[in-house]
C-alpha atoms as a PDB file:
ATOM      1  CA  UNK A   1     128.447  45.356-191.384  1.00  0.00           C
ATOM      2  CA  UNK A   2     128.015  47.073-188.026  1.00  0.00           C
ATOM      3  CA  UNK A   3     129.087  45.297-184.885  1.00  0.00           C
ATOM      4  CA  UNK A   4     129.452  46.245-181.255  1.00  0.00           C
ATOM      5  CA  UNK A   5     133.156  46.735-182.042  1.00  0.00           C
ATOM      6  CA  UNK A   6     132.342  49.634-184.353  1.00  0.00           C
ATOM      7  CA  UNK A   7     129.244  51.418-182.994  1.00  0.00           C
ATOM      8  CA  UNK A   8     129.492  54.127-185.660  1.00  0.00           C
ATOM      9  CA  UNK A   9     130.978  53.769-189.155  1.00  0.00           C
ATOM     10  CA  UNK A  10     131.154  55.669-192.460  1.00  0.00           C
ATOM     11  CA  UNK A  11     128.274  54.853-194.800  1.00  0.00           C
ATOM     12  CA  UNK A  12     128.661  56.962-197.959  1.00  0.00           C
ATOM     13  CA  UNK A  13     130.025  60.232-199.289  1.00  0.00           C
ATOM     14  CA  UNK A  14     128.036  62.935-201.070  1.00  0.00           C
ATOM     15  CA  UNK A  15     129.815  65.162-203.600  1.00  0.00           C
ATOM     16  CA  UNK A  16     128.854  68.378-205.366  1.00  0.00           C
ATOM     17  CA  UNK A  17     129.937  68.325-209.002  1.00  0.00           C
ATOM     18  CA  UNK A  18     130.313  70.896-211.751  1.00  0.00           C
ATOM     19  CA  UNK A  19     129.194  68.186-214.182  1.00  0.00           C
ATOM     20  CA  UNK A  20     127.520  65.326-212.330  1.00  0.00           C
ATOM     21  CA  UNK A  21     126.864  63.323-215.510  1.00  0.00           C
ATOM     22  CA  UNK A  22     130.504  63.406-216.551  1.00  0.00           C
ATOM     23  CA  UNK A  23     131.735  62.624-213.044  1.00  0.00           C
ATOM     24  CA  UNK A  24     129.332  59.696-212.612  1.00  0.00           C
ATOM     25  CA  UNK A  25     130.491  58.332-215.956  1.00  0.00           C
ATOM     26  CA  UNK A  26     134.099  58.418-214.733  1.00  0.00           C
ATOM     27  CA  UNK A  27     133.249  56.429-211.608  1.00  0.00           C
ATOM     28  CA  UNK A  28     131.402  53.821-213.641  1.00  0.00           C
ATOM     29  CA  UNK A  29     133.744  53.451-216.600  1.00  0.00           C
ATOM     30  CA  UNK A  30     137.136  54.061-214.997  1.00  0.00           C
ATOM     31  CA  UNK A  31     136.602  52.686-211.485  1.00  0.00           C
ATOM     32  CA  UNK A  32     133.894  50.038-211.830  1.00  0.00           C
ATOM     33  CA  UNK A  33     131.144  51.609-209.722  1.00  0.00           C
ATOM     34  CA  UNK A  34     127.598  50.372-210.340  1.00  0.00           C
ATOM     35  CA  UNK A  35     124.886  52.911-211.154  1.00  0.00           C
ATOM     36  CA  UNK A  36     122.088  52.217-208.690  1.00  0.00           C
ATOM     37  CA  UNK A  37     119.767  55.106-209.474  1.00  0.00           C
ATOM     38  CA  UNK A  38     119.665  58.489-211.194  1.00  0.00           C
ATOM     39  CA  UNK A  39     117.131  61.288-210.990  1.00  0.00           C
ATOM     40  CA  UNK A  40     117.454  64.923-212.026  1.00  0.00           C
ATOM     41  CA  UNK A  41     121.193  64.420-212.589  1.00  0.00           C
ATOM     42  CA  UNK A  42     121.690  63.156-209.033  1.00  0.00           C
ATOM     43  CA  UNK A  43     123.600  59.880-209.300  1.00  0.00           C
ATOM     44  CA  UNK A  44     123.755  57.120-206.686  1.00  0.00           C
ATOM     45  CA  UNK A  45     126.642  54.711-207.215  1.00  0.00           C
ATOM     46  CA  UNK A  46     127.869  51.682-205.328  1.00  0.00           C
ATOM     47  CA  UNK A  47     128.890  48.029-205.439  1.00  0.00           C
ATOM     48  CA  UNK A  48     127.404  44.808-206.799  1.00  0.00           C
ATOM     49  CA  UNK A  49     125.224  44.503-203.691  1.00  0.00           C
ATOM     50  CA  UNK A  50     123.544  47.805-204.685  1.00  0.00           C
ATOM     51  CA  UNK A  51     124.889  49.416-201.513  1.00  0.00           C
ATOM     52  CA  UNK A  52     125.085  53.156-202.181  1.00  0.00           C
ATOM     53  CA  UNK A  53     128.615  54.359-201.418  1.00  0.00           C
ATOM     54  CA  UNK A  54     128.666  57.611-203.379  1.00  0.00           C
ATOM     55  CA  UNK A  55     126.085  60.231-204.364  1.00  0.00           C
ATOM     56  CA  UNK A  56     126.890  62.973-206.872  1.00  0.00           C
ATOM     57  CA  UNK A  57     124.848  66.185-206.973  1.00  0.00           C
ATOM     58  CA  UNK A  58     124.776  68.646-209.905  1.00  0.00           C
ATOM     59  CA  UNK A  59     125.154  72.404-210.399  1.00  0.00           C
ATOM     60  CA  UNK A  60     127.998  73.039-207.965  1.00  0.00           C
ATOM     61  CA  UNK A  61     129.817  76.346-207.742  1.00  0.00           C
ATOM     62  CA  UNK A  62     133.488  76.142-208.634  1.00  0.00           C
ATOM     63  CA  UNK A  63     135.822  76.169-205.655  1.00  0.00           C
ATOM     64  CA  UNK A  64     138.009  79.288-205.792  1.00  0.00           C
ATOM     65  CA  UNK A  65     139.520  79.617-202.301  1.00  0.00           C
ATOM     66  CA  UNK A  66     141.382  77.295-199.994  1.00  0.00           C
ATOM     67  CA  UNK A  67     138.652  75.653-197.965  1.00  0.00           C
ATOM     68  CA  UNK A  68     138.337  72.835-195.509  1.00  0.00           C
ATOM     69  CA  UNK A  69     136.887  69.757-197.138  1.00  0.00           C
ATOM     70  CA  UNK A  70     137.683  66.353-198.523  1.00  0.00           C
ATOM     71  CA  UNK A  71     141.237  65.055-198.767  1.00  0.00           C
ATOM     72  CA  UNK A  72     139.982  61.671-199.899  1.00  0.00           C
ATOM     73  CA  UNK A  73     137.241  59.114-199.470  1.00  0.00           C
ATOM     74  CA  UNK A  74     138.587  55.624-198.823  1.00  0.00           C
ATOM     75  CA  UNK A  75     136.781  52.571-200.173  1.00  0.00           C
ATOM     76  CA  UNK A  76     137.560  49.291-198.420  1.00  0.00           C
ATOM     77  CA  UNK A  77     137.699  45.956-200.254  1.00  0.00           C
ATOM     78  CA  UNK A  78     136.927  42.759-198.308  1.00  0.00           C
ATOM     79  CA  UNK A  79     139.841  40.772-199.797  1.00  0.00           C
ATOM     80  CA  UNK A  80     143.342  41.472-201.074  1.00  0.00           C
ATOM     81  CA  UNK A  81     142.461  39.796-204.372  1.00  0.00           C
ATOM     82  CA  UNK A  82     139.737  42.448-204.795  1.00  0.00           C
ATOM     83  CA  UNK A  83     142.402  45.152-204.617  1.00  0.00           C
ATOM     84  CA  UNK A  84     144.437  43.230-207.192  1.00  0.00           C
ATOM     85  CA  UNK A  85     141.463  42.927-209.571  1.00  0.00           C
ATOM     86  CA  UNK A  86     140.796  46.647-209.152  1.00  0.00           C
ATOM     87  CA  UNK A  87     144.420  47.510-209.930  1.00  0.00           C
ATOM     88  CA  UNK A  88     144.330  45.415-213.111  1.00  0.00           C
ATOM     89  CA  UNK A  89     141.099  47.124-214.140  1.00  0.00           C
ATOM     90  CA  UNK A  90     142.770  50.513-213.688  1.00  0.00           C
ATOM     91  CA  UNK A  91     145.677  49.421-215.869  1.00  0.00           C
ATOM     92  CA  UNK A  92     143.341  48.128-218.578  1.00  0.00           C
ATOM     93  CA  UNK A  93     141.515  51.471-218.687  1.00  0.00           C
ATOM     94  CA  UNK A  94     144.697  53.557-218.375  1.00  0.00           C
ATOM     95  CA  UNK A  95     143.383  55.200-215.213  1.00  0.00           C
ATOM     96  CA  UNK A  96     146.351  57.005-213.623  1.00  0.00           C
ATOM     97  CA  UNK A  97     147.401  56.312-210.050  1.00  0.00           C
ATOM     98  CA  UNK A  98     148.700  59.034-207.756  1.00  0.00           C
ATOM     99  CA  UNK A  99     150.281  56.607-205.336  1.00  0.00           C
ATOM    100  CA  UNK A 100     150.430  53.102-203.898  1.00  0.00           C
ATOM    101  CA  UNK A 101     151.357  52.518-200.257  1.00  0.00           C
ATOM    102  CA  UNK A 102     151.749  49.838-197.622  1.00  0.00           C
ATOM    103  CA  UNK A 103     150.616  51.385-194.331  1.00  0.00           C
ATOM    104  CA  UNK A 104     151.405  48.501-192.017  1.00  0.00           C
ATOM    105  CA  UNK A 105     147.731  47.837-191.387  1.00  0.00           C
ATOM    106  CA  UNK A 106     146.557  48.207-195.004  1.00  0.00           C
ATOM    107  CA  UNK A 107     147.569  48.233-198.655  1.00  0.00           C
ATOM    108  CA  UNK A 108     146.241  51.212-200.590  1.00  0.00           C
ATOM    109  CA  UNK A 109     145.958  52.741-204.053  1.00  0.00           C
ATOM    110  CA  UNK A 110     145.432  56.491-204.471  1.00  0.00           C
ATOM    111  CA  UNK A 111     143.738  58.398-207.292  1.00  0.00           C
ATOM    112  CA  UNK A 112     142.017  61.690-208.027  1.00  0.00           C
ATOM    113  CA  UNK A 113     138.769  62.055-209.958  1.00  0.00           C
ATOM    114  CA  UNK A 114     138.348  64.615-212.789  1.00  0.00           C
ATOM    115  CA  UNK A 115     136.978  67.262-210.389  1.00  0.00           C
ATOM    116  CA  UNK A 116     139.858  66.932-207.944  1.00  0.00           C
ATOM    117  CA  UNK A 117     138.288  64.691-205.299  1.00  0.00           C
ATOM    118  CA  UNK A 118     140.853  62.389-203.716  1.00  0.00           C
ATOM    119  CA  UNK A 119     140.217  58.649-203.636  1.00  0.00           C
ATOM    120  CA  UNK A 120     141.741  55.724-201.806  1.00  0.00           C
ATOM    121  CA  UNK A 121     140.974  52.063-202.455  1.00  0.00           C
ATOM    122  CA  UNK A 122     142.404  49.680-199.896  1.00  0.00           C
ATOM    123  CA  UNK A 123     142.475  46.307-198.210  1.00  0.00           C
ATOM    124  CA  UNK A 124     143.023  45.744-194.486  1.00  0.00           C
ATOM    125  CA  UNK A 125     145.690  43.319-193.377  1.00  0.00           C
ATOM    126  CA  UNK A 126     144.690  40.905-190.585  1.00  0.00           C
ATOM    127  CA  UNK A 127     144.539  42.726-187.248  1.00  0.00           C
ATOM    128  CA  UNK A 128     147.223  40.358-185.919  1.00  0.00           C
ATOM    129  CA  UNK A 129     149.677  42.198-188.197  1.00  0.00           C
ATOM    130  CA  UNK A 130     148.796  45.704-186.981  1.00  0.00           C
ATOM    131  CA  UNK A 131     151.245  47.562-184.743  1.00  0.00           C
ATOM    132  CA  UNK A 132     149.020  48.181-181.696  1.00  0.00           C
ATOM    133  CA  UNK A 133     150.484  49.447-178.427  1.00  0.00           C
ATOM    134  CA  UNK A 134     149.115  48.752-174.956  1.00  0.00           C
ATOM    135  CA  UNK A 135     147.125  52.029-174.981  1.00  0.00           C
ATOM    136  CA  UNK A 136     145.304  50.883-178.126  1.00  0.00           C
ATOM    137  CA  UNK A 137     147.034  53.310-180.477  1.00  0.00           C
ATOM    138  CA  UNK A 138     147.828  51.915-183.906  1.00  0.00           C
ATOM    139  CA  UNK A 139     150.989  52.964-185.695  1.00  0.00           C
ATOM    140  CA  UNK A 140     150.702  53.481-189.432  1.00  0.00           C
ATOM    141  CA  UNK A 141     153.605  53.804-191.856  1.00  0.00           C
ATOM    142  CA  UNK A 142     153.909  54.841-195.486  1.00  0.00           C
ATOM    143  CA  UNK A 143     156.042  52.398-197.443  1.00  0.00           C
ATOM    144  CA  UNK A 144     156.040  51.624-201.148  1.00  0.00           C
ATOM    145  CA  UNK A 145     153.482  49.030-202.209  1.00  0.00           C
ATOM    146  CA  UNK A 146     154.883  46.390-204.558  1.00  0.00           C
ATOM    147  CA  UNK A 147     152.440  46.599-207.469  1.00  0.00           C
ATOM    148  CA  UNK A 148     154.009  43.734-209.396  1.00  0.00           C
ATOM    149  CA  UNK A 149     153.462  41.484-206.393  1.00  0.00           C
ATOM    150  CA  UNK A 150     149.868  42.720-206.129  1.00  0.00           C
ATOM    151  CA  UNK A 151     149.267  41.970-209.825  1.00  0.00           C
ATOM    152  CA  UNK A 152     150.395  38.381-209.404  1.00  0.00           C
ATOM    153  CA  UNK A 153     147.555  37.635-206.993  1.00  0.00           C
ATOM    154  CA  UNK A 154     145.047  37.361-209.859  1.00  0.00           C
ATOM    155  CA  UNK A 155     145.373  36.199-213.456  1.00  0.00           C
ATOM    156  CA  UNK A 156     142.955  38.617-215.107  1.00  0.00           C
ATOM    157  CA  UNK A 157     140.017  40.953-214.526  1.00  0.00           C
ATOM    158  CA  UNK A 158     136.697  40.589-216.329  1.00  0.00           C
ATOM    159  CA  UNK A 159     135.880  43.290-218.912  1.00  0.00           C
ATOM    160  CA  UNK A 160     132.542  43.907-217.151  1.00  0.00           C
ATOM    161  CA  UNK A 161     134.261  44.438-213.788  1.00  0.00           C
ATOM    162  CA  UNK A 162     132.242  46.086-211.027  1.00  0.00           C
ATOM    163  CA  UNK A 163     133.181  46.908-207.445  1.00  0.00           C
ATOM    164  CA  UNK A 164     132.749  43.626-205.581  1.00  0.00           C
ATOM    165  CA  UNK A 165     130.124  42.787-203.021  1.00  0.00           C
ATOM    166  CA  UNK A 166     130.824  44.033-199.494  1.00  0.00           C
ATOM    167  CA  UNK A 167     132.976  46.921-200.726  1.00  0.00           C
ATOM    168  CA  UNK A 168     132.235  49.822-198.385  1.00  0.00           C
ATOM    169  CA  UNK A 169     133.440  53.236-197.321  1.00  0.00           C
ATOM    170  CA  UNK A 170     136.243  52.507-194.879  1.00  0.00           C
ATOM    171  CA  UNK A 171     137.090  56.033-193.800  1.00  0.00           C
ATOM    172  CA  UNK A 172     136.879  59.735-194.562  1.00  0.00           C
ATOM    173  CA  UNK A 173     140.022  61.881-194.699  1.00  0.00           C
ATOM    174  CA  UNK A 174     139.360  65.606-194.282  1.00  0.00           C
ATOM    175  CA  UNK A 175     141.381  68.795-194.733  1.00  0.00           C
ATOM    176  CA  UNK A 176     140.877  71.193-191.832  1.00  0.00           C
ATOM    177  CA  UNK A 177     142.484  74.353-190.500  1.00  0.00           C
ATOM    178  CA  UNK A 178     142.258  73.699-186.755  1.00  0.00           C
ATOM    179  CA  UNK A 179     143.269  70.136-186.059  1.00  0.00           C
ATOM    180  CA  UNK A 180     142.789  70.017-182.297  1.00  0.00           C
ATOM    181  CA  UNK A 181     139.418  71.773-182.371  1.00  0.00           C
ATOM    182  CA  UNK A 182     137.980  69.491-185.050  1.00  0.00           C
ATOM    183  CA  UNK A 183     139.443  66.352-183.484  1.00  0.00           C
ATOM    184  CA  UNK A 184     137.945  67.322-180.118  1.00  0.00           C
ATOM    185  CA  UNK A 185     134.519  67.626-181.760  1.00  0.00           C
ATOM    186  CA  UNK A 186     134.660  64.092-183.175  1.00  0.00           C
ATOM    187  CA  UNK A 187     136.063  62.709-179.934  1.00  0.00           C
ATOM    188  CA  UNK A 188     133.333  64.369-177.881  1.00  0.00           C
ATOM    189  CA  UNK A 189     130.308  63.948-180.152  1.00  0.00           C
ATOM    190  CA  UNK A 190     131.000  60.694-182.038  1.00  0.00           C
ATOM    191  CA  UNK A 191     133.222  59.212-179.311  1.00  0.00           C
ATOM    192  CA  UNK A 192     135.982  58.479-181.815  1.00  0.00           C
ATOM    193  CA  UNK A 193     139.318  57.704-180.172  1.00  0.00           C
ATOM    194  CA  UNK A 194     142.665  58.980-181.419  1.00  0.00           C
ATOM    195  CA  UNK A 195     144.721  56.086-182.811  1.00  0.00           C
ATOM    196  CA  UNK A 196     147.665  58.090-184.143  1.00  0.00           C
ATOM    197  CA  UNK A 197     148.810  61.716-184.244  1.00  0.00           C
ATOM    198  CA  UNK A 198     151.601  62.914-186.522  1.00  0.00           C
ATOM    199  CA  UNK A 199     153.533  66.086-185.639  1.00  0.00           C
ATOM    200  CA  UNK A 200     150.425  68.153-184.868  1.00  0.00           C
ATOM    201  CA  UNK A 201     149.597  68.083-188.603  1.00  0.00           C
ATOM    202  CA  UNK A 202     147.495  64.922-188.885  1.00  0.00           C
ATOM    203  CA  UNK A 203     145.330  62.815-186.624  1.00  0.00           C
ATOM    204  CA  UNK A 204     143.668  59.438-187.113  1.00  0.00           C
ATOM    205  CA  UNK A 205     140.537  58.528-185.137  1.00  0.00           C
ATOM    206  CA  UNK A 206     138.309  55.488-184.947  1.00  0.00           C
ATOM    207  CA  UNK A 207     135.307  53.880-183.368  1.00  0.00           C
ATOM    208  CA  UNK A 208     136.175  50.715-181.485  1.00  0.00           C
ATOM    209  CA  UNK A 209     139.345  48.821-182.381  1.00  0.00           C
ATOM    210  CA  UNK A 210     139.791  50.027-185.973  1.00  0.00           C
ATOM    211  CA  UNK A 211     142.902  51.889-187.206  1.00  0.00           C
ATOM    212  CA  UNK A 212     140.839  54.876-188.384  1.00  0.00           C
ATOM    213  CA  UNK A 213     137.358  55.738-189.589  1.00  0.00           C
ATOM    214  CA  UNK A 214     138.351  59.403-189.836  1.00  0.00           C
ATOM    215  CA  UNK A 215     141.607  61.173-190.648  1.00  0.00           C
ATOM    216  CA  UNK A 216     142.223  64.905-190.323  1.00  0.00           C
ATOM    217  CA  UNK A 217     145.123  66.963-191.654  1.00  0.00           C
ATOM    218  CA  UNK A 218     146.224  70.603-191.897  1.00  0.00           C
ATOM    219  CA  UNK A 219     148.504  70.110-194.906  1.00  0.00           C
ATOM    220  CA  UNK A 220     146.635  72.724-196.965  1.00  0.00           C
ATOM    221  CA  UNK A 221     147.201  75.369-194.285  1.00  0.00           C
ATOM    222  CA  UNK A 222     145.860  76.650-190.984  1.00  0.00           C
ATOM    223  CA  UNK A 223     143.679  79.450-192.366  1.00  0.00           C
ATOM    224  CA  UNK A 224     140.980  77.702-194.387  1.00  0.00           C
ATOM    225  CA  UNK A 225     137.564  79.069-195.311  1.00  0.00           C
ATOM    226  CA  UNK A 226     134.501  76.958-194.632  1.00  0.00           C
ATOM    227  CA  UNK A 227     132.979  75.416-197.771  1.00  0.00           C
ATOM    228  CA  UNK A 228     129.613  76.717-198.947  1.00  0.00           C
ATOM    229  CA  UNK A 229     126.686  74.297-199.167  1.00  0.00           C
ATOM    230  CA  UNK A 230     126.913  74.036-202.947  1.00  0.00           C
ATOM    231  CA  UNK A 231     130.680  74.372-203.363  1.00  0.00           C
ATOM    232  CA  UNK A 232     132.360  71.846-205.640  1.00  0.00           C
ATOM    233  CA  UNK A 233     133.678  68.888-203.640  1.00  0.00           C
ATOM    234  CA  UNK A 234     132.368  67.485-200.390  1.00  0.00           C
ATOM    235  CA  UNK A 235     128.646  67.913-199.769  1.00  0.00           C
ATOM    236  CA  UNK A 236     128.443  65.716-196.692  1.00  0.00           C
ATOM    237  CA  UNK A 237     129.974  62.717-194.961  1.00  0.00           C
ATOM    238  CA  UNK A 238     127.281  60.203-194.088  1.00  0.00           C
ATOM    239  CA  UNK A 239     127.753  57.982-191.041  1.00  0.00           C
ATOM    240  CA  UNK A 240     125.661  55.060-189.819  1.00  0.00           C
ATOM    241  CA  UNK A 241     125.139  53.834-186.268  1.00  0.00           C
ATOM    242  CA  UNK A 242     122.922  51.771-184.026  1.00  0.00           C
ATOM    243  CA  UNK A 243     119.739  53.499-182.773  1.00  0.00           C
ATOM    244  CA  UNK A 244     121.057  53.444-179.200  1.00  0.00           C
ATOM    245  CA  UNK A 245     124.240  55.189-180.320  1.00  0.00           C
ATOM    246  CA  UNK A 246     122.398  57.965-182.150  1.00  0.00           C
ATOM    247  CA  UNK A 247     120.329  58.551-179.009  1.00  0.00           C
ATOM    248  CA  UNK A 248     123.561  58.968-177.053  1.00  0.00           C
ATOM    249  CA  UNK A 249     124.971  61.339-179.693  1.00  0.00           C
ATOM    250  CA  UNK A 250     121.844  63.496-179.534  1.00  0.00           C
ATOM    251  CA  UNK A 251     122.108  63.608-175.741  1.00  0.00           C
ATOM    252  CA  UNK A 252     125.714  64.804-175.969  1.00  0.00           C
ATOM    253  CA  UNK A 253     124.758  67.463-178.534  1.00  0.00           C
ATOM    254  CA  UNK A 254     121.944  68.715-176.310  1.00  0.00           C
ATOM    255  CA  UNK A 255     124.209  68.871-173.271  1.00  0.00           C
ATOM    256  CA  UNK A 256     126.700  70.998-175.219  1.00  0.00           C
ATOM    257  CA  UNK A 257     123.952  73.083-176.897  1.00  0.00           C
ATOM    258  CA  UNK A 258     125.501  72.148-180.244  1.00  0.00           C
ATOM    259  CA  UNK A 259     123.109  72.786-183.160  1.00  0.00           C
ATOM    260  CA  UNK A 260     121.759  69.916-185.235  1.00  0.00           C
ATOM    261  CA  UNK A 261     118.698  69.135-187.340  1.00  0.00           C
ATOM    262  CA  UNK A 262     116.466  66.105-186.893  1.00  0.00           C
ATOM    263  CA  UNK A 263     115.790  64.111-190.046  1.00  0.00           C
ATOM    264  CA  UNK A 264     113.580  61.111-190.726  1.00  0.00           C
ATOM    265  CA  UNK A 265     116.465  58.629-190.564  1.00  0.00           C
ATOM    266  CA  UNK A 266     118.850  60.495-188.288  1.00  0.00           C
ATOM    267  CA  UNK A 267     120.389  63.915-187.752  1.00  0.00           C
ATOM    268  CA  UNK A 268     122.439  66.500-189.655  1.00  0.00           C
ATOM    269  CA  UNK A 269     125.018  68.881-188.276  1.00  0.00           C
ATOM    270  CA  UNK A 270     128.099  70.836-189.299  1.00  0.00           C
ATOM    271  CA  UNK A 271     131.486  70.227-187.725  1.00  0.00           C
ATOM    272  CA  UNK A 272     133.831  73.057-186.605  1.00  0.00           C
ATOM    273  CA  UNK A 273     135.564  72.976-190.017  1.00  0.00           C
ATOM    274  CA  UNK A 274     132.261  73.724-191.749  1.00  0.00           C
ATOM    275  CA  UNK A 275     131.877  70.200-193.142  1.00  0.00           C
ATOM    276  CA  UNK A 276     128.383  68.743-193.062  1.00  0.00           C
ATOM    277  CA  UNK A 277     127.862  65.313-191.588  1.00  0.00           C
ATOM    278  CA  UNK A 278     124.773  63.162-191.525  1.00  0.00           C
ATOM    279  CA  UNK A 279     124.345  60.453-188.926  1.00  0.00           C
ATOM    280  CA  UNK A 280     121.777  57.859-189.950  1.00  0.00           C
ATOM    281  CA  UNK A 281     120.254  55.007-188.008  1.00  0.00           C
ATOM    282  CA  UNK A 282     121.298  51.577-189.170  1.00  0.00           C
ATOM    283  CA  UNK A 283     119.114  50.200-191.979  1.00  0.00           C
END
């Protein structure tokens, strides 16, 4: 839900797939996504509310070079018990985890889909527990998450489990080659504020008081090609904002002579890393 605290937020992620049917099946069967619609092998998946969180497009070209792109998409659960139910569902379906972390402000599980797209599923701790300094920066940590403790929060998970209502995309985490240049773009155009920077290799930015709606890292290297439109992996990051905010974004783009395309429900543009973003007006 949008509020004045978060004038712009992630809405959904669009992926290019080598095999969209197979990938959509994984998200439904292994992760509990709901199929909302499908046409011409384009799959729209989401939660029980029928909110579209993920769209998968077919006929991608295989990625062969190191390119900027998606590190992971992070899906945010409304309650800690939702994360616990999800973890039990993963165990039941023998879906492998890549990691489980306590970040100080959140508890997170990490996976990778069959085509190499990173995934995070997480729950936010109450903001009273976040480590926020007087400048508004929010310190994150990476500690081990106690999975046995998480499991004890719920007794069992239904066999017909689906992502719960109000699950949403919490943040995008992108791989880029030029951290400062890309961060400056999002600070200037989307008015995201830096909440944490780690050794010039990673930066976390957010709208309003959140810990991060966008993370950037250079862990893959500093010399990264831009992804092609139909390259396997990220197709676009879709954001949503209030109509007044999109008007302000367009004004900033015009002042900087930065190229963008008008669409029926918003605008499209490409960031300095070559990653497409769509900014839609709030439904």
